[in-house]
Amino acid sequence: YDTFMDETPYEDWCDLIAMLLKQHFPGMDEIPEDENLRQ
């Protein structure tokens, strides 16, 4: 599978997902007091 998918733009997808998370769920990086909730 990985051989035939070697031109797949995984890095671009990763950056896109990180951007969308920051844009639409900005509180994701905030740290709740409860450790379990933070995880």
PDB file of all heavy atoms in Angstrom:
ATOM      1  N   TYR A   1       0.825  -1.210   0.000  1.00  0.00           N
ATOM      2  CA  TYR A   1       0.000   0.000   0.000  1.00  0.00           C
ATOM      3  C   TYR A   1       0.860   1.262   0.000  1.00  0.00           C
ATOM      4  O   TYR A   1       0.665   2.168  -0.810  1.00  0.00           O
ATOM      5  CB  TYR A   1      -0.922  -0.004   1.215  1.00  0.00           C
ATOM      6  CG  TYR A   1      -1.826   1.205   1.310  1.00  0.00           C
ATOM      7  CD1 TYR A   1      -3.008   1.270   0.581  1.00  0.00           C
ATOM      8  CD2 TYR A   1      -1.500   2.285   2.133  1.00  0.00           C
ATOM      9  CE1 TYR A   1      -3.845   2.369   0.670  1.00  0.00           C
ATOM     10  CE2 TYR A   1      -2.322   3.383   2.216  1.00  0.00           C
ATOM     11  CZ  TYR A   1      -3.495   3.422   1.487  1.00  0.00           C
ATOM     12  OH  TYR A   1      -4.312   4.522   1.577  1.00  0.00           O
ATOM     13  N   ASP A   2       1.832   1.318   0.889  1.00  0.00           N
ATOM     14  CA  ASP A   2       2.671   2.511   0.978  1.00  0.00           C
ATOM     15  C   ASP A   2       3.512   2.713  -0.276  1.00  0.00           C
ATOM     16  O   ASP A   2       3.826   3.847  -0.637  1.00  0.00           O
ATOM     17  CB  ASP A   2       3.574   2.442   2.211  1.00  0.00           C
ATOM     18  CG  ASP A   2       2.814   2.713   3.503  1.00  0.00           C
ATOM     19  OD1 ASP A   2       1.720   3.299   3.434  1.00  0.00           O
ATOM     20  OD2 ASP A   2       3.311   2.328   4.579  1.00  0.00           O
ATOM     21  N   THR A   3       3.872   1.637  -0.931  1.00  0.00           N
ATOM     22  CA  THR A   3       4.643   1.759  -2.171  1.00  0.00           C
ATOM     23  C   THR A   3       3.840   2.499  -3.232  1.00  0.00           C
ATOM     24  O   THR A   3       4.343   3.432  -3.875  1.00  0.00           O
ATOM     25  CB  THR A   3       5.024   0.366  -2.705  1.00  0.00           C
ATOM     26  OG1 THR A   3       5.855  -0.286  -1.742  1.00  0.00           O
ATOM     27  CG2 THR A   3       5.777   0.474  -4.023  1.00  0.00           C
ATOM     28  N   PHE A   4       2.602   2.097  -3.409  1.00  0.00           N
ATOM     29  CA  PHE A   4       1.779   2.716  -4.449  1.00  0.00           C
ATOM     30  C   PHE A   4       1.205   4.065  -4.021  1.00  0.00           C
ATOM     31  O   PHE A   4       0.700   4.811  -4.856  1.00  0.00           O
ATOM     32  CB  PHE A   4       0.653   1.770  -4.865  1.00  0.00           C
ATOM     33  CG  PHE A   4       1.130   0.570  -5.622  1.00  0.00           C
ATOM     34  CD1 PHE A   4       0.933  -0.708  -5.135  1.00  0.00           C
ATOM     35  CD2 PHE A   4       1.800   0.714  -6.833  1.00  0.00           C
ATOM     36  CE1 PHE A   4       1.382  -1.820  -5.835  1.00  0.00           C
ATOM     37  CE2 PHE A   4       2.256  -0.392  -7.537  1.00  0.00           C
ATOM     38  CZ  PHE A   4       2.046  -1.666  -7.042  1.00  0.00           C
ATOM     39  N   MET A   5       1.297   4.390  -2.728  1.00  0.00           N
ATOM     40  CA  MET A   5       0.797   5.680  -2.227  1.00  0.00           C
ATOM     41  C   MET A   5       1.932   6.652  -1.948  1.00  0.00           C
ATOM     42  O   MET A   5       1.757   7.624  -1.212  1.00  0.00           O
ATOM     43  CB  MET A   5      -0.020   5.449  -0.955  1.00  0.00           C
ATOM     44  CG  MET A   5      -1.289   4.630  -1.162  1.00  0.00           C
ATOM     45  SD  MET A   5      -2.565   5.519  -2.085  1.00  0.00           S
ATOM     46  CE  MET A   5      -3.159   6.623  -0.805  1.00  0.00           C
ATOM     47  N   ASP A   6       3.096   6.413  -2.537  1.00  0.00           N
ATOM     48  CA  ASP A   6       4.273   7.210  -2.182  1.00  0.00           C
ATOM     49  C   ASP A   6       4.197   8.656  -2.671  1.00  0.00           C
ATOM     50  O   ASP A   6       4.992   9.496  -2.244  1.00  0.00           O
ATOM     51  CB  ASP A   6       5.560   6.539  -2.687  1.00  0.00           C
ATOM     52  CG  ASP A   6       5.561   6.319  -4.197  1.00  0.00           C
ATOM     53  OD1 ASP A   6       4.542   6.598  -4.857  1.00  0.00           O
ATOM     54  OD2 ASP A   6       6.583   5.843  -4.720  1.00  0.00           O
ATOM     55  N   GLU A   7       3.270   8.971  -3.560  1.00  0.00           N
ATOM     56  CA  GLU A   7       3.113  10.355  -4.013  1.00  0.00           C
ATOM     57  C   GLU A   7       1.916  11.048  -3.353  1.00  0.00           C
ATOM     58  O   GLU A   7       1.564  12.161  -3.721  1.00  0.00           O
ATOM     59  CB  GLU A   7       2.973  10.397  -5.538  1.00  0.00           C
ATOM     60  CG  GLU A   7       4.229   9.921  -6.277  1.00  0.00           C
ATOM     61  CD  GLU A   7       4.111  10.048  -7.773  1.00  0.00           C
ATOM     62  OE1 GLU A   7       3.050  10.529  -8.254  1.00  0.00           O
ATOM     63  OE2 GLU A   7       5.060   9.669  -8.489  1.00  0.00           O
ATOM     64  N   THR A   8       1.313  10.391  -2.400  1.00  0.00           N
ATOM     65  CA  THR A   8       0.170  10.978  -1.690  1.00  0.00           C
ATOM     66  C   THR A   8       0.651  12.132  -0.813  1.00  0.00           C
ATOM     67  O   THR A   8       1.622  11.982  -0.070  1.00  0.00           O
ATOM     68  CB  THR A   8      -0.515   9.909  -0.817  1.00  0.00           C
ATOM     69  OG1 THR A   8      -0.885   8.806  -1.653  1.00  0.00           O
ATOM     70  CG2 THR A   8      -1.748  10.473  -0.132  1.00  0.00           C
ATOM     71  N   PRO A   9      -0.014  13.287  -0.871  1.00  0.00           N
ATOM     72  CA  PRO A   9       0.456  14.476  -0.135  1.00  0.00           C
ATOM     73  C   PRO A   9       0.085  14.468   1.346  1.00  0.00           C
ATOM     74  O   PRO A   9      -0.639  15.341   1.839  1.00  0.00           O
ATOM     75  CB  PRO A   9      -0.233  15.622  -0.883  1.00  0.00           C
ATOM     76  CG  PRO A   9      -1.515  15.035  -1.363  1.00  0.00           C
ATOM     77  CD  PRO A   9      -1.187  13.605  -1.719  1.00  0.00           C
ATOM     78  N   TYR A  10       0.585  13.484   2.074  1.00  0.00           N
ATOM     79  CA  TYR A  10       0.235  13.373   3.486  1.00  0.00           C
ATOM     80  C   TYR A  10       0.635  14.611   4.281  1.00  0.00           C
ATOM     81  O   TYR A  10      -0.088  15.048   5.186  1.00  0.00           O
ATOM     82  CB  TYR A  10       0.902  12.141   4.100  1.00  0.00           C
ATOM     83  CG  TYR A  10       0.321  10.821   3.653  1.00  0.00           C
ATOM     84  CD1 TYR A  10       1.059   9.955   2.839  1.00  0.00           C
ATOM     85  CD2 TYR A  10      -0.955  10.430   4.041  1.00  0.00           C
ATOM     86  CE1 TYR A  10       0.541   8.728   2.433  1.00  0.00           C
ATOM     87  CE2 TYR A  10      -1.478   9.205   3.643  1.00  0.00           C
ATOM     88  CZ  TYR A  10      -0.726   8.358   2.836  1.00  0.00           C
ATOM     89  OH  TYR A  10      -1.248   7.152   2.425  1.00  0.00           O
ATOM     90  N   GLU A  11       1.810  15.175   3.969  1.00  0.00           N
ATOM     91  CA  GLU A  11       2.262  16.361   4.709  1.00  0.00           C
ATOM     92  C   GLU A  11       1.298  17.533   4.509  1.00  0.00           C
ATOM     93  O   GLU A  11       0.985  18.263   5.457  1.00  0.00           O
ATOM     94  CB  GLU A  11       3.671  16.767   4.274  1.00  0.00           C
ATOM     95  CG  GLU A  11       4.771  15.801   4.694  1.00  0.00           C
ATOM     96  CD  GLU A  11       4.895  14.603   3.761  1.00  0.00           C
ATOM     97  OE1 GLU A  11       4.156  14.547   2.748  1.00  0.00           O
ATOM     98  OE2 GLU A  11       5.736  13.728   4.046  1.00  0.00           O
ATOM     99  N   ASP A  12       0.816  17.700   3.270  1.00  0.00           N
ATOM    100  CA  ASP A  12      -0.156  18.762   2.997  1.00  0.00           C
ATOM    101  C   ASP A  12      -1.452  18.521   3.753  1.00  0.00           C
ATOM    102  O   ASP A  12      -2.063  19.453   4.284  1.00  0.00           O
ATOM    103  CB  ASP A  12      -0.444  18.855   1.494  1.00  0.00           C
ATOM    104  CG  ASP A  12       0.739  19.380   0.704  1.00  0.00           C
ATOM    105  OD1 ASP A  12       1.663  19.958   1.315  1.00  0.00           O
ATOM    106  OD2 ASP A  12       0.747  19.214  -0.534  1.00  0.00           O
ATOM    107  N   TRP A  13      -1.896  17.270   3.796  1.00  0.00           N
ATOM    108  CA  TRP A  13      -3.119  16.944   4.522  1.00  0.00           C
ATOM    109  C   TRP A  13      -2.943  17.245   6.007  1.00  0.00           C
ATOM    110  O   TRP A  13      -3.850  17.766   6.651  1.00  0.00           O
ATOM    111  CB  TRP A  13      -3.464  15.464   4.345  1.00  0.00           C
ATOM    112  CG  TRP A  13      -3.877  15.088   2.957  1.00  0.00           C
ATOM    113  CD1 TRP A  13      -4.099  15.928   1.896  1.00  0.00           C
ATOM    114  CD2 TRP A  13      -4.123  13.764   2.467  1.00  0.00           C
ATOM    115  NE1 TRP A  13      -4.455  15.212   0.780  1.00  0.00           N
ATOM    116  CE2 TRP A  13      -4.483  13.896   1.090  1.00  0.00           C
ATOM    117  CE3 TRP A  13      -4.068  12.501   3.034  1.00  0.00           C
ATOM    118  CZ2 TRP A  13      -4.798  12.778   0.311  1.00  0.00           C
ATOM    119  CZ3 TRP A  13      -4.374  11.392   2.244  1.00  0.00           C
ATOM    120  CH2 TRP A  13      -4.737  11.531   0.910  1.00  0.00           C
ATOM    121  N   CYS A  14      -1.779  16.910   6.523  1.00  0.00           N
ATOM    122  CA  CYS A  14      -1.498  17.157   7.940  1.00  0.00           C
ATOM    123  C   CYS A  14      -1.560  18.650   8.247  1.00  0.00           C
ATOM    124  O   CYS A  14      -2.183  19.077   9.228  1.00  0.00           O
ATOM    125  CB  CYS A  14      -0.131  16.586   8.296  1.00  0.00           C
ATOM    126  SG  CYS A  14       0.375  16.852  10.003  1.00  0.00           S
ATOM    127  N   ASP A  15      -0.916  19.455   7.405  1.00  0.00           N
ATOM    128  CA  ASP A  15      -0.921  20.907   7.607  1.00  0.00           C
ATOM    129  C   ASP A  15      -2.340  21.469   7.474  1.00  0.00           C
ATOM    130  O   ASP A  15      -2.724  22.383   8.217  1.00  0.00           O
ATOM    131  CB  ASP A  15       0.000  21.588   6.604  1.00  0.00           C
ATOM    132  CG  ASP A  15       1.468  21.282   6.855  1.00  0.00           C
ATOM    133  OD1 ASP A  15       1.802  20.864   7.983  1.00  0.00           O
ATOM    134  OD2 ASP A  15       2.282  21.446   5.925  1.00  0.00           O
ATOM    135  N   LEU A  16      -3.110  20.933   6.536  1.00  0.00           N
ATOM    136  CA  LEU A  16      -4.484  21.399   6.348  1.00  0.00           C
ATOM    137  C   LEU A  16      -5.327  21.104   7.582  1.00  0.00           C
ATOM    138  O   LEU A  16      -6.076  21.970   8.064  1.00  0.00           O
ATOM    139  CB  LEU A  16      -5.100  20.716   5.122  1.00  0.00           C
ATOM    140  CG  LEU A  16      -6.599  20.961   4.889  1.00  0.00           C
ATOM    141  CD1 LEU A  16      -6.870  22.426   4.615  1.00  0.00           C
ATOM    142  CD2 LEU A  16      -7.113  20.093   3.754  1.00  0.00           C
ATOM    143  N   ILE A  17      -5.211  19.903   8.106  1.00  0.00           N
ATOM    144  CA  ILE A  17      -5.981  19.528   9.288  1.00  0.00           C
ATOM    145  C   ILE A  17      -5.599  20.402  10.482  1.00  0.00           C
ATOM    146  O   ILE A  17      -6.470  20.882  11.216  1.00  0.00           O
ATOM    147  CB  ILE A  17      -5.771  18.036   9.606  1.00  0.00           C
ATOM    148  CG1 ILE A  17      -6.473  17.183   8.536  1.00  0.00           C
ATOM    149  CG2 ILE A  17      -6.286  17.684  10.992  1.00  0.00           C
ATOM    150  CD1 ILE A  17      -6.078  15.727   8.567  1.00  0.00           C
ATOM    151  N   ALA A  18      -4.301  20.628  10.668  1.00  0.00           N
ATOM    152  CA  ALA A  18      -3.856  21.485  11.764  1.00  0.00           C
ATOM    153  C   ALA A  18      -4.400  22.899  11.609  1.00  0.00           C
ATOM    154  O   ALA A  18      -4.814  23.533  12.591  1.00  0.00           O
ATOM    155  CB  ALA A  18      -2.330  21.501  11.824  1.00  0.00           C
ATOM    156  N   MET A  19      -4.433  23.406  10.381  1.00  0.00           N
ATOM    157  CA  MET A  19      -4.963  24.744  10.127  1.00  0.00           C
ATOM    158  C   MET A  19      -6.460  24.804  10.423  1.00  0.00           C
ATOM    159  O   MET A  19      -6.949  25.758  11.047  1.00  0.00           O
ATOM    160  CB  MET A  19      -4.713  25.142   8.678  1.00  0.00           C
ATOM    161  CG  MET A  19      -5.226  26.537   8.311  1.00  0.00           C
ATOM    162  SD  MET A  19      -5.242  26.825   6.521  1.00  0.00           S
ATOM    163  CE  MET A  19      -6.645  25.788   6.031  1.00  0.00           C
ATOM    164  N   LEU A  20      -7.202  23.780   9.997  1.00  0.00           N
ATOM    165  CA  LEU A  20      -8.646  23.747  10.235  1.00  0.00           C
ATOM    166  C   LEU A  20      -8.959  23.653  11.723  1.00  0.00           C
ATOM    167  O   LEU A  20      -9.915  24.275  12.205  1.00  0.00           O
ATOM    168  CB  LEU A  20      -9.273  22.578   9.480  1.00  0.00           C
ATOM    169  CG  LEU A  20      -9.283  22.691   7.954  1.00  0.00           C
ATOM    170  CD1 LEU A  20      -9.737  21.374   7.330  1.00  0.00           C
ATOM    171  CD2 LEU A  20     -10.183  23.833   7.505  1.00  0.00           C
ATOM    172  N   LEU A  21      -8.158  22.892  12.454  1.00  0.00           N
ATOM    173  CA  LEU A  21      -8.353  22.789  13.892  1.00  0.00           C
ATOM    174  C   LEU A  21      -8.124  24.139  14.575  1.00  0.00           C
ATOM    175  O   LEU A  21      -8.887  24.552  15.438  1.00  0.00           O
ATOM    176  CB  LEU A  21      -7.416  21.736  14.479  1.00  0.00           C
ATOM    177  CG  LEU A  21      -7.735  20.283  14.125  1.00  0.00           C
ATOM    178  CD1 LEU A  21      -6.620  19.367  14.610  1.00  0.00           C
ATOM    179  CD2 LEU A  21      -9.065  19.860  14.724  1.00  0.00           C
ATOM    180  N   LYS A  22      -7.076  24.813  14.174  1.00  0.00           N
ATOM    181  CA  LYS A  22      -6.780  26.115  14.754  1.00  0.00           C
ATOM    182  C   LYS A  22      -7.855  27.138  14.406  1.00  0.00           C
ATOM    183  O   LYS A  22      -8.230  27.992  15.221  1.00  0.00           O
ATOM    184  CB  LYS A  22      -5.410  26.603  14.272  1.00  0.00           C
ATOM    185  CG  LYS A  22      -4.952  27.921  14.899  1.00  0.00           C
ATOM    186  CD  LYS A  22      -3.536  28.254  14.502  1.00  0.00           C
ATOM    187  CE  LYS A  22      -2.545  27.272  15.087  1.00  0.00           C
ATOM    188  NZ  LYS A  22      -1.124  27.667  14.829  1.00  0.00           N
ATOM    189  N   GLN A  23      -8.376  27.040  13.191  1.00  0.00           N
ATOM    190  CA  GLN A  23      -9.375  27.996  12.718  1.00  0.00           C
ATOM    191  C   GLN A  23     -10.754  27.774  13.341  1.00  0.00           C
ATOM    192  O   GLN A  23     -11.429  28.734  13.734  1.00  0.00           O
ATOM    193  CB  GLN A  23      -9.491  27.902  11.196  1.00  0.00           C
ATOM    194  CG  GLN A  23     -10.512  28.850  10.571  1.00  0.00           C
ATOM    195  CD  GLN A  23     -10.569  28.722   9.060  1.00  0.00           C
ATOM    196  OE1 GLN A  23      -9.783  27.977   8.461  1.00  0.00           O
ATOM    197  NE2 GLN A  23     -11.487  29.430   8.449  1.00  0.00           N
ATOM    198  N   HIS A  24     -11.159  26.510  13.453  1.00  0.00           N
ATOM    199  CA  HIS A  24     -12.529  26.222  13.870  1.00  0.00           C
ATOM    200  C   HIS A  24     -12.653  25.663  15.290  1.00  0.00           C
ATOM    201  O   HIS A  24     -13.759  25.559  15.816  1.00  0.00           O
ATOM    202  CB  HIS A  24     -13.165  25.233  12.892  1.00  0.00           C
ATOM    203  CG  HIS A  24     -13.304  25.766  11.500  1.00  0.00           C
ATOM    204  ND1 HIS A  24     -14.193  26.771  11.173  1.00  0.00           N
ATOM    205  CD2 HIS A  24     -12.652  25.439  10.354  1.00  0.00           C
ATOM    206  CE1 HIS A  24     -14.106  27.032   9.871  1.00  0.00           C
ATOM    207  NE2 HIS A  24     -13.175  26.242   9.365  1.00  0.00           N
ATOM    208  N   PHE A  25     -11.550  25.281  15.913  1.00  0.00           N
ATOM    209  CA  PHE A  25     -11.570  24.801  17.296  1.00  0.00           C
ATOM    210  C   PHE A  25     -10.368  25.378  18.029  1.00  0.00           C
ATOM    211  O   PHE A  25      -9.482  24.658  18.486  1.00  0.00           O
ATOM    212  CB  PHE A  25     -11.542  23.272  17.328  1.00  0.00           C
ATOM    213  CG  PHE A  25     -11.820  22.671  18.680  1.00  0.00           C
ATOM    214  CD1 PHE A  25     -12.583  23.325  19.635  1.00  0.00           C
ATOM    215  CD2 PHE A  25     -11.321  21.412  18.993  1.00  0.00           C
ATOM    216  CE1 PHE A  25     -12.836  22.755  20.873  1.00  0.00           C
ATOM    217  CE2 PHE A  25     -11.560  20.822  20.220  1.00  0.00           C
ATOM    218  CZ  PHE A  25     -12.327  21.494  21.162  1.00  0.00           C
ATOM    219  N   PRO A  26     -10.328  26.719  18.142  1.00  0.00           N
ATOM    220  CA  PRO A  26      -9.145  27.372  18.709  1.00  0.00           C
ATOM    221  C   PRO A  26      -8.863  26.991  20.153  1.00  0.00           C
ATOM    222  O   PRO A  26      -7.742  27.121  20.633  1.00  0.00           O
ATOM    223  CB  PRO A  26      -9.481  28.867  18.584  1.00  0.00           C
ATOM    224  CG  PRO A  26     -10.973  28.924  18.490  1.00  0.00           C
ATOM    225  CD  PRO A  26     -11.370  27.683  17.755  1.00  0.00           C
ATOM    226  N   GLY A  27      -9.873  26.487  20.857  1.00  0.00           N
ATOM    227  CA  GLY A  27      -9.654  26.114  22.252  1.00  0.00           C
ATOM    228  C   GLY A  27      -9.004  24.767  22.434  1.00  0.00           C
ATOM    229  O   GLY A  27      -8.803  24.323  23.567  1.00  0.00           O
ATOM    230  N   MET A  28      -8.660  24.097  21.336  1.00  0.00           N
ATOM    231  CA  MET A  28      -8.100  22.754  21.453  1.00  0.00           C
ATOM    232  C   MET A  28      -6.772  22.759  22.206  1.00  0.00           C
ATOM    233  O   MET A  28      -6.423  21.793  22.882  1.00  0.00           O
ATOM    234  CB  MET A  28      -7.909  22.148  20.062  1.00  0.00           C
ATOM    235  CG  MET A  28      -7.550  20.673  20.080  1.00  0.00           C
ATOM    236  SD  MET A  28      -7.607  19.938  18.423  1.00  0.00           S
ATOM    237  CE  MET A  28      -7.397  18.199  18.830  1.00  0.00           C
ATOM    238  N   ASP A  29      -6.018  23.850  22.080  1.00  0.00           N
ATOM    239  CA  ASP A  29      -4.711  23.919  22.740  1.00  0.00           C
ATOM    240  C   ASP A  29      -4.786  24.493  24.148  1.00  0.00           C
ATOM    241  O   ASP A  29      -3.782  24.551  24.854  1.00  0.00           O
ATOM    242  CB  ASP A  29      -3.742  24.763  21.900  1.00  0.00           C
ATOM    243  CG  ASP A  29      -3.443  24.108  20.563  1.00  0.00           C
ATOM    244  OD1 ASP A  29      -3.469  22.871  20.512  1.00  0.00           O
ATOM    245  OD2 ASP A  29      -3.210  24.830  19.587  1.00  0.00           O
ATOM    246  N   GLU A  30      -5.983  24.946  24.550  1.00  0.00           N
ATOM    247  CA  GLU A  30      -6.131  25.450  25.905  1.00  0.00           C
ATOM    248  C   GLU A  30      -6.040  24.284  26.881  1.00  0.00           C
ATOM    249  O   GLU A  30      -6.414  23.156  26.564  1.00  0.00           O
ATOM    250  CB  GLU A  30      -7.467  26.175  26.061  1.00  0.00           C
ATOM    251  CG  GLU A  30      -7.564  27.447  25.219  1.00  0.00           C
ATOM    252  CD  GLU A  30      -8.921  28.109  25.333  1.00  0.00           C
ATOM    253  OE1 GLU A  30      -9.768  27.592  26.094  1.00  0.00           O
ATOM    254  OE2 GLU A  30      -9.134  29.131  24.657  1.00  0.00           O
ATOM    255  N   ILE A  31      -5.584  24.558  28.072  1.00  0.00           N
ATOM    256  CA  ILE A  31      -5.316  23.491  29.034  1.00  0.00           C
ATOM    257  C   ILE A  31      -6.343  23.517  30.162  1.00  0.00           C
ATOM    258  O   ILE A  31      -6.270  24.370  31.054  1.00  0.00           O
ATOM    259  CB  ILE A  31      -3.898  23.623  29.624  1.00  0.00           C
ATOM    260  CG1 ILE A  31      -2.861  23.639  28.494  1.00  0.00           C
ATOM    261  CG2 ILE A  31      -3.609  22.486  30.600  1.00  0.00           C
ATOM    262  CD1 ILE A  31      -1.442  23.847  28.965  1.00  0.00           C
ATOM    263  N   PRO A  32      -7.318  22.587  30.148  1.00  0.00           N
ATOM    264  CA  PRO A  32      -8.246  22.490  31.273  1.00  0.00           C
ATOM    265  C   PRO A  32      -7.493  22.075  32.537  1.00  0.00           C
ATOM    266  O   PRO A  32      -6.434  21.455  32.481  1.00  0.00           O
ATOM    267  CB  PRO A  32      -9.229  21.396  30.824  1.00  0.00           C
ATOM    268  CG  PRO A  32      -9.046  21.289  29.341  1.00  0.00           C
ATOM    269  CD  PRO A  32      -7.617  21.630  29.090  1.00  0.00           C
ATOM    270  N   GLU A  33      -8.051  22.426  33.680  1.00  0.00           N
ATOM    271  CA  GLU A  33      -7.394  22.065  34.942  1.00  0.00           C
ATOM    272  C   GLU A  33      -7.351  20.553  35.127  1.00  0.00           C
ATOM    273  O   GLU A  33      -6.385  20.016  35.654  1.00  0.00           O
ATOM    274  CB  GLU A  33      -8.142  22.718  36.116  1.00  0.00           C
ATOM    275  CG  GLU A  33      -8.033  24.239  36.135  1.00  0.00           C
ATOM    276  CD  GLU A  33      -8.721  24.834  37.335  1.00  0.00           C
ATOM    277  OE1 GLU A  33      -9.199  24.059  38.200  1.00  0.00           O
ATOM    278  OE2 GLU A  33      -8.780  26.074  37.424  1.00  0.00           O
ATOM    279  N   ASP A  34      -8.389  19.880  34.701  1.00  0.00           N
ATOM    280  CA  ASP A  34      -8.452  18.432  34.835  1.00  0.00           C
ATOM    281  C   ASP A  34      -7.525  17.782  33.804  1.00  0.00           C
ATOM    282  O   ASP A  34      -7.648  18.012  32.606  1.00  0.00           O
ATOM    283  CB  ASP A  34      -9.894  17.955  34.624  1.00  0.00           C
ATOM    284  CG  ASP A  34     -10.062  16.469  34.910  1.00  0.00           C
ATOM    285  OD1 ASP A  34      -9.587  15.662  34.092  1.00  0.00           O
ATOM    286  OD2 ASP A  34     -10.665  16.131  35.940  1.00  0.00           O
ATOM    287  N   GLU A  35      -6.593  16.958  34.274  1.00  0.00           N
ATOM    288  CA  GLU A  35      -5.618  16.316  33.391  1.00  0.00           C
ATOM    289  C   GLU A  35      -6.292  15.424  32.360  1.00  0.00           C
ATOM    290  O   GLU A  35      -5.892  15.394  31.192  1.00  0.00           O
ATOM    291  CB  GLU A  35      -4.624  15.496  34.219  1.00  0.00           C
ATOM    292  CG  GLU A  35      -3.656  14.637  33.400  1.00  0.00           C
ATOM    293  CD  GLU A  35      -2.703  15.466  32.553  1.00  0.00           C
ATOM    294  OE1 GLU A  35      -2.498  16.655  32.865  1.00  0.00           O
ATOM    295  OE2 GLU A  35      -2.172  14.913  31.573  1.00  0.00           O
ATOM    296  N   ASN A  36      -7.326  14.685  32.782  1.00  0.00           N
ATOM    297  CA  ASN A  36      -8.012  13.799  31.846  1.00  0.00           C
ATOM    298  C   ASN A  36      -8.690  14.592  30.736  1.00  0.00           C
ATOM    299  O   ASN A  36      -8.645  14.203  29.564  1.00  0.00           O
ATOM    300  CB  ASN A  36      -9.048  12.949  32.584  1.00  0.00           C
ATOM    301  CG  ASN A  36      -8.401  11.913  33.489  1.00  0.00           C
ATOM    302  OD1 ASN A  36      -7.306  11.436  33.207  1.00  0.00           O
ATOM    303  ND2 ASN A  36      -9.074  11.576  34.574  1.00  0.00           N
ATOM    304  N   LEU A  37      -9.306  15.716  31.089  1.00  0.00           N
ATOM    305  CA  LEU A  37      -9.952  16.553  30.081  1.00  0.00           C
ATOM    306  C   LEU A  37      -8.915  17.146  29.134  1.00  0.00           C
ATOM    307  O   LEU A  37      -9.164  17.288  27.935  1.00  0.00           O
ATOM    308  CB  LEU A  37     -10.757  17.673  30.747  1.00  0.00           C
ATOM    309  CG  LEU A  37     -12.021  17.249  31.496  1.00  0.00           C
ATOM    310  CD1 LEU A  37     -12.717  18.471  32.092  1.00  0.00           C
ATOM    311  CD2 LEU A  37     -12.977  16.504  30.571  1.00  0.00           C
ATOM    312  N   ARG A  38      -7.753  17.491  29.653  1.00  0.00           N
ATOM    313  CA  ARG A  38      -6.701  18.033  28.803  1.00  0.00           C
ATOM    314  C   ARG A  38      -6.270  17.003  27.765  1.00  0.00           C
ATOM    315  O   ARG A  38      -6.091  17.323  26.592  1.00  0.00           O
ATOM    316  CB  ARG A  38      -5.499  18.459  29.657  1.00  0.00           C
ATOM    317  CG  ARG A  38      -4.348  19.018  28.821  1.00  0.00           C
ATOM    318  CD  ARG A  38      -3.253  19.573  29.708  1.00  0.00           C
ATOM    319  NE  ARG A  38      -2.635  18.546  30.525  1.00  0.00           N
ATOM    320  CZ  ARG A  38      -1.698  18.777  31.433  1.00  0.00           C
ATOM    321  NH1 ARG A  38      -1.281  20.000  31.661  1.00  0.00           N
ATOM    322  NH2 ARG A  38      -1.174  17.782  32.123  1.00  0.00           N
ATOM    323  N   GLN A  39      -6.119  15.749  28.214  1.00  0.00           N
ATOM    324  CA  GLN A  39      -5.739  14.697  27.289  1.00  0.00           C
ATOM    325  C   GLN A  39      -6.804  14.481  26.221  1.00  0.00           C
ATOM    326  O   GLN A  39      -6.504  14.330  25.035  1.00  0.00           O
ATOM    327  CB  GLN A  39      -5.508  13.385  28.056  1.00  0.00           C
ATOM    328  CG  GLN A  39      -4.266  13.380  28.928  1.00  0.00           C
ATOM    329  CD  GLN A  39      -2.985  13.427  28.111  1.00  0.00           C
ATOM    330  OE1 GLN A  39      -2.888  12.821  27.054  1.00  0.00           O
ATOM    331  NE2 GLN A  39      -1.993  14.151  28.593  1.00  0.00           N
TER     332      GLN A  39
END
